[in-house]
């Protein structure tokens, strides 16, 4: 495929034919146009065989691709992607196909990114942008990230995700306050080991008590020493965690104001928490969803394939306990 400044565009090839008809030797045409004699002969031969139509650009795609993924395999990849809404690593492991092949099939069929899909219905709801700037600490416990995700509680019998928005608008009591659950999370920067709890608020005492329990959880999984803790600049984090951090010799770090991407490990975990636990299936009560957190967390830490870890779960990077 030629670009607009190439010497042998369609008009350049036509000029080769015209000069040849005028009696120019092929060597003179090649020298005048700054191309090889072989190139001149190629276009003259193609014009003699196909006429002016032979001077147009052609696709560089091969006539046959014997090693291309079969149509049946592509169909299975697309169906499993639509049904399970998982990434190439997971899909490839399920179907016995390399993850890179899955990525190419999804790109060939213009499959939207998972971040652009509604986690419950799979419908495209937004565009997404991914940064290529990454960092990672060298050892577990060198840096951990802490954050809180606020999620609306589910009324008894199920909310709008179970019955639809129309039913909610018809039966909703605007004076009734359902409230929120506060999901506190701690994520290790190196291994991505995570610990989460659903708590009633995000006050200072609640955050401090959660951090103490999270430290004990990490210790049971081989991370016996936490060096640094990174959080945002919330008042509860800035003043209420001092005692716990001092007790465990943890250096507290804060991100710059209005720069949540600096705490990106736990922010990304929060999104995974939403899409794979909170909104992955329809829950008919808040208690039912809360009970599903611990099994999901165990799956996340011990079985779930993580792209940043080469397709392995977080426990694969932890020392033996």
Foldseek 3Di string as FASTA:
>chain_A
DDDPPDLQALVNLVVLVVVVVVPDDLVVSCVVSVHDSVVSVVSVVQCVVPNSVSSHDDDPDDPDDVPQDDPVVLVQLVVCCQVQVDALLVSCVVSVHDSVSSVVSCVVVVPAHSVQADLANRHGDDHDDDDPDDDFDDAWQAEKEKDKDKAFFAAAQGDCVVVNPVVCVVPPDPVDDRGIWIKIKMATRHLRQMDIATDRDLALVVNQVVVVVVQVVVVVLANVAHAEYEYEDDPSVVPRNVVVCVVRVHHYHYDDPPCCCVSVSVVVVVVVCCSVQVNNYTDNGRVVSNVRVVVVSVCQQAPAQDVVVVGGHSSVRHDDD
